[in-house]
Amino acid sequence: MSSTTRLTIIARRVLVVVWMSIIVVCVGSYLASPSSFSAENIAQFMERFGHWIWGVYLAFSIVRGFTLLPSTPLVIAGTLLFPTQPFWVLVVSMTGILISSTMIYYFSEFLGFDEYFEKKSPEAVHKIKAKLEYPLGFLFVAGWAFFPFVPTDLVCYLAGTTRMNFAKFIAAVFVGELVLCYCYVYLGGSLFNKLY
């Protein structure tokens, strides 16, 4: 084994440990204190950044994908922060989601999840890949992205691990998330603003 290969394996293992630690801390914090991750608290936290607030909102939208935390409070927080700019909240939220989904797709491949699962359970990987590549695979990913009670990030890892066609994958995420985020921004945000 060459020294480059050895370094790549070590880097992958370190990244997996760091990533899993981030997930455990974030999900654990969320479960221990869900109110800390409410739309109001997120909006209050972001207000501290003043002129940088749009950049911070985009950065949170991108990074959130790696934590497996739900995107709903963040999108609603955007509607609270920018109640007169729903279009831009939608654009920035979608931009963050698409960048995050792309990074996760390639991140799973870089970490070697595809090789690992291919060795451990090749039949299962081929079945999942066949379903994702099948014409209904687009609808499966879009439906998963639209369904608010499961993290879209999981299907991004799955698509990256099985090497689903990237164009089909990102288009499906776009369609599913656009419908969901549109509902949050234009329906949920206005309702939330009226209630509070």
C-alpha atoms as a PDB file:
ATOM      1  CA  MET A   1       0.000   0.000   0.000  1.00  0.00           C
ATOM      2  CA  SER A   2       1.458   3.365  -1.016  1.00  0.00           C
ATOM      3  CA  SER A   3       1.914   6.217   1.451  1.00  0.00           C
ATOM      4  CA  THR A   4      -0.648   8.295  -0.486  1.00  0.00           C
ATOM      5  CA  THR A   5      -3.266   5.554  -0.165  1.00  0.00           C
ATOM      6  CA  ARG A   6      -2.481   5.187   3.536  1.00  0.00           C
ATOM      7  CA  LEU A   7      -2.865   8.959   4.055  1.00  0.00           C
ATOM      8  CA  THR A   8      -6.171   8.938   2.170  1.00  0.00           C
ATOM      9  CA  ILE A   9      -7.508   6.129   4.373  1.00  0.00           C
ATOM     10  CA  ILE A  10      -6.395   7.954   7.534  1.00  0.00           C
ATOM     11  CA  ALA A  11      -7.956  11.228   6.309  1.00  0.00           C
ATOM     12  CA  ARG A  12     -11.223   9.423   5.556  1.00  0.00           C
ATOM     13  CA  ARG A  13     -11.309   7.829   9.004  1.00  0.00           C
ATOM     14  CA  VAL A  14     -10.592  11.123  10.738  1.00  0.00           C
ATOM     15  CA  LEU A  15     -13.320  12.852   8.709  1.00  0.00           C
ATOM     16  CA  VAL A  16     -15.822  10.096   9.533  1.00  0.00           C
ATOM     17  CA  VAL A  17     -15.039  10.403  13.260  1.00  0.00           C
ATOM     18  CA  VAL A  18     -15.316  14.224  13.171  1.00  0.00           C
ATOM     19  CA  TRP A  19     -18.525  14.089  11.126  1.00  0.00           C
ATOM     20  CA  MET A  20     -20.119  11.459  13.388  1.00  0.00           C
ATOM     21  CA  SER A  21     -19.127  13.512  16.446  1.00  0.00           C
ATOM     22  CA  ILE A  22     -20.787  16.608  14.966  1.00  0.00           C
ATOM     23  CA  ILE A  23     -23.957  14.635  14.269  1.00  0.00           C
ATOM     24  CA  VAL A  24     -24.032  13.154  17.779  1.00  0.00           C
ATOM     25  CA  VAL A  25     -23.498  16.577  19.400  1.00  0.00           C
ATOM     26  CA  CYS A  26     -26.050  18.362  17.182  1.00  0.00           C
ATOM     27  CA  VAL A  27     -28.754  15.689  17.325  1.00  0.00           C
ATOM     28  CA  GLY A  28     -28.128  15.163  21.052  1.00  0.00           C
ATOM     29  CA  SER A  29     -28.433  18.903  21.708  1.00  0.00           C
ATOM     30  CA  TYR A  30     -31.577  19.040  19.591  1.00  0.00           C
ATOM     31  CA  LEU A  31     -33.186  16.144  21.478  1.00  0.00           C
ATOM     32  CA  ALA A  32     -32.101  17.503  24.868  1.00  0.00           C
ATOM     33  CA  SER A  33     -33.418  21.007  24.190  1.00  0.00           C
ATOM     34  CA  PRO A  34     -35.612  21.295  21.076  1.00  0.00           C
ATOM     35  CA  SER A  35     -36.697  24.814  22.071  1.00  0.00           C
ATOM     36  CA  SER A  36     -33.103  26.018  21.592  1.00  0.00           C
ATOM     37  CA  PHE A  37     -33.466  25.159  17.907  1.00  0.00           C
ATOM     38  CA  SER A  38     -36.812  26.914  17.445  1.00  0.00           C
ATOM     39  CA  ALA A  39     -37.272  29.355  14.581  1.00  0.00           C
ATOM     40  CA  GLU A  40     -37.466  32.277  17.036  1.00  0.00           C
ATOM     41  CA  ASN A  41     -34.190  31.371  18.763  1.00  0.00           C
ATOM     42  CA  ILE A  42     -32.395  30.816  15.472  1.00  0.00           C
ATOM     43  CA  ALA A  43     -33.652  34.191  14.199  1.00  0.00           C
ATOM     44  CA  GLN A  44     -32.553  35.941  17.410  1.00  0.00           C
ATOM     45  CA  PHE A  45     -29.111  34.375  17.172  1.00  0.00           C
ATOM     46  CA  MET A  46     -28.671  35.437  13.541  1.00  0.00           C
ATOM     47  CA  GLU A  47     -29.796  39.022  14.202  1.00  0.00           C
ATOM     48  CA  ARG A  48     -26.490  39.548  16.008  1.00  0.00           C
ATOM     49  CA  PHE A  49     -24.608  39.432  12.723  1.00  0.00           C
ATOM     50  CA  GLY A  50     -26.072  42.688  11.376  1.00  0.00           C
ATOM     51  CA  HIS A  51     -24.859  43.385   7.838  1.00  0.00           C
ATOM     52  CA  TRP A  52     -23.553  39.836   7.457  1.00  0.00           C
ATOM     53  CA  ILE A  53     -26.931  38.270   8.189  1.00  0.00           C
ATOM     54  CA  TRP A  54     -27.678  37.043   4.638  1.00  0.00           C
ATOM     55  CA  GLY A  55     -24.240  35.424   4.419  1.00  0.00           C
ATOM     56  CA  VAL A  56     -24.706  33.794   7.822  1.00  0.00           C
ATOM     57  CA  TYR A  57     -28.157  32.564   6.807  1.00  0.00           C
ATOM     58  CA  LEU A  58     -26.703  30.991   3.646  1.00  0.00           C
ATOM     59  CA  ALA A  59     -23.807  29.448   5.593  1.00  0.00           C
ATOM     60  CA  PHE A  60     -26.230  27.918   8.125  1.00  0.00           C
ATOM     61  CA  SER A  61     -28.342  26.575   5.246  1.00  0.00           C
ATOM     62  CA  ILE A  62     -25.277  24.875   3.770  1.00  0.00           C
ATOM     63  CA  VAL A  63     -23.731  23.517   6.974  1.00  0.00           C
ATOM     64  CA  ARG A  64     -27.028  22.302   8.436  1.00  0.00           C
ATOM     65  CA  GLY A  65     -27.071  19.418   5.957  1.00  0.00           C
ATOM     66  CA  PHE A  66     -24.053  17.805   7.586  1.00  0.00           C
ATOM     67  CA  THR A  67     -25.735  17.812  11.014  1.00  0.00           C
ATOM     68  CA  LEU A  68     -28.900  15.907   9.982  1.00  0.00           C
ATOM     69  CA  LEU A  69     -30.962  18.554  11.823  1.00  0.00           C
ATOM     70  CA  PRO A  70     -34.302  19.491  10.240  1.00  0.00           C
ATOM     71  CA  SER A  71     -34.325  22.471   7.872  1.00  0.00           C
ATOM     72  CA  THR A  72     -37.833  23.614   8.866  1.00  0.00           C
ATOM     73  CA  PRO A  73     -36.841  25.868  11.807  1.00  0.00           C
ATOM     74  CA  LEU A  74     -34.091  27.477   9.723  1.00  0.00           C
ATOM     75  CA  VAL A  75     -36.389  28.288   6.799  1.00  0.00           C
ATOM     76  CA  ILE A  76     -39.068  29.640   9.163  1.00  0.00           C
ATOM     77  CA  ALA A  77     -36.343  31.680  10.918  1.00  0.00           C
ATOM     78  CA  GLY A  78     -35.587  33.226   7.531  1.00  0.00           C
ATOM     79  CA  THR A  79     -39.201  34.329   7.182  1.00  0.00           C
ATOM     80  CA  LEU A  80     -39.004  35.899  10.654  1.00  0.00           C
ATOM     81  CA  LEU A  81     -35.764  37.691   9.849  1.00  0.00           C
ATOM     82  CA  PHE A  82     -36.916  38.939   6.450  1.00  0.00           C
ATOM     83  CA  PRO A  83     -40.743  39.113   6.541  1.00  0.00           C
ATOM     84  CA  THR A  84     -40.899  41.512   3.579  1.00  0.00           C
ATOM     85  CA  GLN A  85     -38.498  39.483   1.398  1.00  0.00           C
ATOM     86  CA  PRO A  86     -40.002  35.993   1.048  1.00  0.00           C
ATOM     87  CA  PHE A  87     -38.657  35.555  -2.484  1.00  0.00           C
ATOM     88  CA  TRP A  88     -35.063  36.062  -1.312  1.00  0.00           C
ATOM     89  CA  VAL A  89     -35.587  33.799   1.689  1.00  0.00           C
ATOM     90  CA  LEU A  90     -36.726  31.104  -0.754  1.00  0.00           C
ATOM     91  CA  VAL A  91     -33.776  31.723  -3.124  1.00  0.00           C
ATOM     92  CA  VAL A  92     -31.154  31.680  -0.349  1.00  0.00           C
ATOM     93  CA  SER A  93     -32.738  28.656   1.358  1.00  0.00           C
ATOM     94  CA  MET A  94     -32.819  26.706  -1.904  1.00  0.00           C
ATOM     95  CA  THR A  95     -29.266  27.744  -2.769  1.00  0.00           C
ATOM     96  CA  GLY A  96     -28.076  26.493   0.616  1.00  0.00           C
ATOM     97  CA  ILE A  97     -29.992  23.236   0.264  1.00  0.00           C
ATOM     98  CA  LEU A  98     -28.663  22.538  -3.246  1.00  0.00           C
ATOM     99  CA  ILE A  99     -25.060  23.334  -2.284  1.00  0.00           C
ATOM    100  CA  SER A 100     -25.392  21.209   0.855  1.00  0.00           C
ATOM    101  CA  SER A 101     -26.988  18.317  -1.067  1.00  0.00           C
ATOM    102  CA  THR A 102     -24.220  18.421  -3.677  1.00  0.00           C
ATOM    103  CA  MET A 103     -21.505  18.461  -1.023  1.00  0.00           C
ATOM    104  CA  ILE A 104     -23.121  15.546   0.832  1.00  0.00           C
ATOM    105  CA  TYR A 105     -23.495  13.576  -2.408  1.00  0.00           C
ATOM    106  CA  TYR A 106     -19.767  13.864  -3.145  1.00  0.00           C
ATOM    107  CA  PHE A 107     -18.749  13.720   0.530  1.00  0.00           C
ATOM    108  CA  SER A 108     -20.234  10.233   0.878  1.00  0.00           C
ATOM    109  CA  GLU A 109     -18.195   9.064  -2.116  1.00  0.00           C
ATOM    110  CA  PHE A 110     -15.002  10.740  -0.843  1.00  0.00           C
ATOM    111  CA  LEU A 111     -15.389   9.017   2.525  1.00  0.00           C
ATOM    112  CA  GLY A 112     -15.524   5.693   0.731  1.00  0.00           C
ATOM    113  CA  PHE A 113     -19.088   4.803   1.736  1.00  0.00           C
ATOM    114  CA  ASP A 114     -19.651   3.487  -1.792  1.00  0.00           C
ATOM    115  CA  GLU A 115     -16.640   1.135  -1.591  1.00  0.00           C
ATOM    116  CA  TYR A 116     -17.503   0.062   1.962  1.00  0.00           C
ATOM    117  CA  PHE A 117     -21.123  -0.857   1.202  1.00  0.00           C
ATOM    118  CA  GLU A 118     -20.151  -2.363  -2.163  1.00  0.00           C
ATOM    119  CA  LYS A 119     -17.857  -4.783  -0.311  1.00  0.00           C
ATOM    120  CA  LYS A 120     -20.180  -5.446   2.641  1.00  0.00           C
ATOM    121  CA  SER A 121     -23.474  -5.785   0.800  1.00  0.00           C
ATOM    122  CA  PRO A 122     -23.140  -5.540  -2.986  1.00  0.00           C
ATOM    123  CA  GLU A 123     -26.586  -6.998  -3.689  1.00  0.00           C
ATOM    124  CA  ALA A 124     -28.338  -4.435  -1.487  1.00  0.00           C
ATOM    125  CA  VAL A 125     -26.365  -1.587  -3.078  1.00  0.00           C
ATOM    126  CA  HIS A 126     -27.275  -2.753  -6.583  1.00  0.00           C
ATOM    127  CA  LYS A 127     -30.975  -3.060  -5.655  1.00  0.00           C
ATOM    128  CA  ILE A 128     -31.066   0.438  -4.164  1.00  0.00           C
ATOM    129  CA  LYS A 129     -29.150   1.849  -7.119  1.00  0.00           C
ATOM    130  CA  ALA A 130     -31.544   0.167  -9.558  1.00  0.00           C
ATOM    131  CA  LYS A 131     -34.491   1.757  -7.737  1.00  0.00           C
ATOM    132  CA  LEU A 132     -32.837   5.188  -7.746  1.00  0.00           C
ATOM    133  CA  GLU A 133     -31.885   4.947 -11.415  1.00  0.00           C
ATOM    134  CA  TYR A 134     -35.272   3.553 -12.444  1.00  0.00           C
ATOM    135  CA  PRO A 135     -37.610   6.219 -13.880  1.00  0.00           C
ATOM    136  CA  LEU A 136     -39.468   6.270 -10.562  1.00  0.00           C
ATOM    137  CA  GLY A 137     -36.189   6.989  -8.761  1.00  0.00           C
ATOM    138  CA  PHE A 138     -36.662  10.678  -9.536  1.00  0.00           C
ATOM    139  CA  LEU A 139     -40.075  10.604  -7.856  1.00  0.00           C
ATOM    140  CA  PHE A 140     -38.658   8.682  -4.893  1.00  0.00           C
ATOM    141  CA  VAL A 141     -35.950  11.292  -4.231  1.00  0.00           C
ATOM    142  CA  ALA A 142     -38.314  14.221  -4.894  1.00  0.00           C
ATOM    143  CA  GLY A 143     -40.908  12.703  -2.554  1.00  0.00           C
ATOM    144  CA  TRP A 144     -38.286  12.114   0.129  1.00  0.00           C
ATOM    145  CA  ALA A 145     -37.055  15.718  -0.245  1.00  0.00           C
ATOM    146  CA  PHE A 146     -40.626  17.007   0.017  1.00  0.00           C
ATOM    147  CA  PHE A 147     -41.627  14.894   3.030  1.00  0.00           C
ATOM    148  CA  PRO A 148     -40.914  17.127   6.058  1.00  0.00           C
ATOM    149  CA  PHE A 149     -40.507  14.390   8.681  1.00  0.00           C
ATOM    150  CA  VAL A 150     -37.409  12.710   7.241  1.00  0.00           C
ATOM    151  CA  PRO A 151     -34.099  14.509   6.659  1.00  0.00           C
ATOM    152  CA  THR A 152     -33.387  15.069   2.962  1.00  0.00           C
ATOM    153  CA  ASP A 153     -29.709  14.720   3.832  1.00  0.00           C
ATOM    154  CA  LEU A 154     -30.126  10.945   4.271  1.00  0.00           C
ATOM    155  CA  VAL A 155     -31.252  10.491   0.675  1.00  0.00           C
ATOM    156  CA  CYS A 156     -28.269  12.624  -0.403  1.00  0.00           C
ATOM    157  CA  TYR A 157     -25.896  10.199   1.321  1.00  0.00           C
ATOM    158  CA  LEU A 158     -27.782   7.275  -0.186  1.00  0.00           C
ATOM    159  CA  ALA A 159     -27.639   8.758  -3.699  1.00  0.00           C
ATOM    160  CA  GLY A 160     -23.933   9.517  -3.349  1.00  0.00           C
ATOM    161  CA  THR A 161     -23.150   6.076  -1.955  1.00  0.00           C
ATOM    162  CA  THR A 162     -24.989   4.291  -4.773  1.00  0.00           C
ATOM    163  CA  ARG A 163     -23.674   6.763  -7.369  1.00  0.00           C
ATOM    164  CA  MET A 164     -27.119   7.759  -8.582  1.00  0.00           C
ATOM    165  CA  ASN A 165     -26.952   9.947 -11.683  1.00  0.00           C
ATOM    166  CA  PHE A 166     -26.101  13.370 -10.235  1.00  0.00           C
ATOM    167  CA  ALA A 167     -28.250  15.440 -12.625  1.00  0.00           C
ATOM    168  CA  LYS A 168     -31.325  13.325 -11.860  1.00  0.00           C
ATOM    169  CA  PHE A 169     -30.564  13.425  -8.127  1.00  0.00           C
ATOM    170  CA  ILE A 170     -30.096  17.199  -7.846  1.00  0.00           C
ATOM    171  CA  ALA A 171     -33.142  17.899 -10.045  1.00  0.00           C
ATOM    172  CA  ALA A 172     -35.276  15.671  -7.798  1.00  0.00           C
ATOM    173  CA  VAL A 173     -33.976  17.375  -4.645  1.00  0.00           C
ATOM    174  CA  PHE A 174     -34.682  20.755  -6.244  1.00  0.00           C
ATOM    175  CA  VAL A 175     -38.290  19.869  -7.109  1.00  0.00           C
ATOM    176  CA  GLY A 176     -39.092  18.304  -3.722  1.00  0.00           C
ATOM    177  CA  GLU A 177     -37.409  20.988  -1.634  1.00  0.00           C
ATOM    178  CA  LEU A 178     -38.785  23.852  -3.748  1.00  0.00           C
ATOM    179  CA  VAL A 179     -42.369  22.779  -3.077  1.00  0.00           C
ATOM    180  CA  LEU A 180     -41.671  22.291   0.638  1.00  0.00           C
ATOM    181  CA  CYS A 181     -39.727  25.537   1.093  1.00  0.00           C
ATOM    182  CA  TYR A 182     -42.324  27.472  -0.909  1.00  0.00           C
ATOM    183  CA  CYS A 183     -44.995  26.244   1.525  1.00  0.00           C
ATOM    184  CA  TYR A 184     -42.827  27.206   4.520  1.00  0.00           C
ATOM    185  CA  VAL A 185     -41.927  30.645   3.181  1.00  0.00           C
ATOM    186  CA  TYR A 186     -45.234  31.751   1.684  1.00  0.00           C
ATOM    187  CA  LEU A 187     -47.717  29.854   3.853  1.00  0.00           C
ATOM    188  CA  GLY A 188     -45.934  28.856   7.057  1.00  0.00           C
ATOM    189  CA  GLY A 189     -44.043  32.130   7.399  1.00  0.00           C
ATOM    190  CA  SER A 190     -47.091  34.343   7.002  1.00  0.00           C
ATOM    191  CA  LEU A 191     -49.088  32.155   9.398  1.00  0.00           C
ATOM    192  CA  PHE A 192     -46.237  32.210  11.907  1.00  0.00           C
ATOM    193  CA  ASN A 193     -45.919  35.985  11.640  1.00  0.00           C
ATOM    194  CA  LYS A 194     -49.655  36.425  12.254  1.00  0.00           C
ATOM    195  CA  LEU A 195     -49.601  34.155  15.310  1.00  0.00           C
ATOM    196  CA  TYR A 196     -46.549  35.789  16.847  1.00  0.00           C
END
